[in-house]
Protein backbone atom coordinates (compact mmCIF):
# COMPACT_ATOMS: atom_id res chain seq x y z
CA UNK A 1 0.05 -10.92 17.59
CA UNK A 2 1.02 -7.91 18.95
CA UNK A 3 -1.99 -5.72 20.05
CA UNK A 4 -0.91 -2.89 18.36
CA UNK A 5 -0.87 -5.33 15.14
CA UNK A 6 -5.06 -5.71 15.47
CA UNK A 7 -5.31 -1.51 15.29
CA UNK A 8 -3.38 -1.38 11.78
CA UNK A 9 -5.66 -0.60 8.87
CA UNK A 10 -4.48 -1.38 5.53
CA UNK A 11 -6.56 -0.43 2.07
CA UNK A 12 -5.18 -0.31 -1.33
CA UNK A 13 -7.40 1.88 -3.82
CA UNK A 14 -6.91 0.15 -7.47
CA UNK A 15 -8.74 0.55 -10.66
CA UNK A 16 -10.71 -1.72 -12.26
CA UNK A 17 -8.98 -4.85 -13.91
CA UNK A 18 -5.22 -2.96 -12.58
CA UNK A 19 -2.32 -4.60 -14.03
CA UNK A 20 -0.20 -3.75 -10.64
CA UNK A 21 -3.05 -5.31 -8.36
CA UNK A 22 -1.21 -8.97 -8.26
CA UNK A 23 1.91 -7.79 -7.72
CA UNK A 24 0.65 -5.64 -4.79
CA UNK A 25 -1.01 -8.22 -3.20
CA UNK A 26 1.68 -10.76 -3.35
CA UNK A 27 4.20 -7.95 -1.94
CA UNK A 28 1.97 -7.27 0.66
CA UNK A 29 1.41 -10.58 1.53
CA UNK A 30 5.30 -10.87 1.68
CA UNK A 31 5.66 -7.84 4.23
CA UNK A 32 2.93 -8.80 6.48
CA UNK A 33 4.86 -12.61 6.63
CA UNK A 34 1.54 -14.07 8.11
CA UNK A 35 0.70 -11.31 10.52
CA UNK A 36 -3.44 -11.31 10.43
CA UNK A 37 -3.46 -7.75 9.55
CA UNK A 38 -6.60 -7.55 7.09
CA UNK A 39 -6.75 -5.49 4.58
CA UNK A 40 -9.53 -4.13 2.60
CA UNK A 41 -9.17 -4.06 -1.59
CA UNK A 42 -11.33 -1.30 -2.76
CA UNK A 43 -12.12 -0.89 -6.27
CA UNK A 44 -12.29 3.01 -7.52
CA UNK A 45 -13.83 3.84 -10.80
CA UNK A 46 -14.62 8.01 -10.78
CA UNK A 47 -12.89 11.35 -10.55
CA UNK A 48 -14.90 12.09 -7.41
CA UNK A 49 -13.72 8.85 -5.38
CA UNK A 50 -10.65 9.51 -5.95
CA UNK A 51 -10.08 12.74 -4.63
CA UNK A 52 -12.42 11.49 -1.65
CA UNK A 53 -10.22 8.32 -0.55
CA UNK A 54 -6.90 10.49 -1.45
CA UNK A 55 -5.92 7.42 -4.56
CA UNK A 56 -2.94 9.16 -6.10
CA UNK A 57 -2.61 6.31 -8.98
CA UNK A 58 -3.48 2.54 -9.18
CA UNK A 59 -2.55 0.63 -6.87
CA UNK A 60 -2.24 2.80 -3.83
CA UNK A 61 -1.70 1.39 -0.64
CA UNK A 62 -3.17 3.36 2.58
CA UNK A 63 -1.80 2.43 5.60
CA UNK A 64 -4.21 3.91 8.43
CA UNK A 65 -5.68 6.25 6.42
CA UNK A 66 -2.75 7.81 5.07
CA UNK A 67 -0.41 6.97 1.95
CA UNK A 68 3.14 6.64 2.96
CA UNK A 69 4.37 6.46 -0.47
CA UNK A 70 2.97 9.77 -1.34
CA UNK A 71 5.11 13.01 -2.50
CA UNK A 72 4.70 16.62 -3.62
CA UNK A 73 4.27 15.82 -7.31
CA UNK A 74 1.67 13.39 -7.22
CA UNK A 75 -1.72 14.10 -7.63
CA UNK A 76 -5.06 12.21 -7.48
CA UNK A 77 -5.76 9.92 -10.84
CA UNK A 78 -7.51 7.07 -11.78
CA UNK A 79 -3.98 6.49 -13.82
CA UNK A 80 -1.50 3.80 -13.37
CA UNK A 81 1.13 4.76 -10.54
CA UNK A 82 4.54 3.88 -10.82
CA UNK A 83 6.67 3.35 -7.21
CA UNK A 84 10.14 4.22 -7.71
CA UNK A 85 12.57 2.65 -5.50
CA UNK A 86 15.66 3.50 -3.95
CA UNK A 87 18.00 1.04 -6.90
CA UNK A 88 16.87 3.42 -9.12
CA UNK A 89 14.23 1.07 -10.72
CA UNK A 90 10.49 2.03 -10.75
CA UNK A 91 7.79 -0.26 -10.81
CA UNK A 92 3.95 -0.42 -9.77
CA UNK A 93 4.03 -1.73 -6.67
CA UNK A 94 6.27 -0.32 -3.51
CA UNK A 95 8.91 -3.54 -2.91
CA UNK A 96 8.69 -5.65 0.23
CA UNK A 97 11.49 -3.67 2.38
CA UNK A 98 9.11 -0.31 1.34
CA UNK A 99 6.11 -1.91 2.70
CA UNK A 100 7.51 -3.30 5.82
CA UNK A 101 9.01 0.19 6.81
CA UNK A 102 5.70 1.84 6.25
CA UNK A 103 4.18 -0.72 8.60
CA UNK A 104 6.34 -0.62 11.06
CA UNK A 105 6.28 3.53 10.99
CA UNK A 106 2.73 2.67 11.73
CA UNK A 107 3.74 0.91 14.60
CA UNK A 108 2.96 -3.06 13.13
CA UNK A 109 5.37 -5.01 15.16
CA UNK A 110 8.11 -7.50 12.94
CA UNK A 111 7.71 -10.67 12.82
CA UNK A 112 8.59 -13.26 15.09
CA UNK A 113 12.31 -14.10 14.14
CA UNK A 114 13.27 -11.25 11.59
CA UNK A 115 14.48 -7.88 12.48
């Protein structure tokens, strides 16, 4: 494991029973490709905690405390979040490729055997 990998913090903020949490979990696992990076899952249930944690809809993924997928139109929210992909589609979680790019930007090394 790259020493920097242990320093990367991933937090996923969701509302209780978020319908997009399972796909987010699958895509994060695929993006990590077996690397031992802890992922904290936090359920957020009220507007005060939404603002405190920086949740821009459910699910929100934070890498080292920042939302790499935020944009100026997003506001703190307990609602479902849609992620817009480069191919024009939308769904409830970033793609595996988008997650990999966000993790690489945080300094997480690529898994062995991948570019």
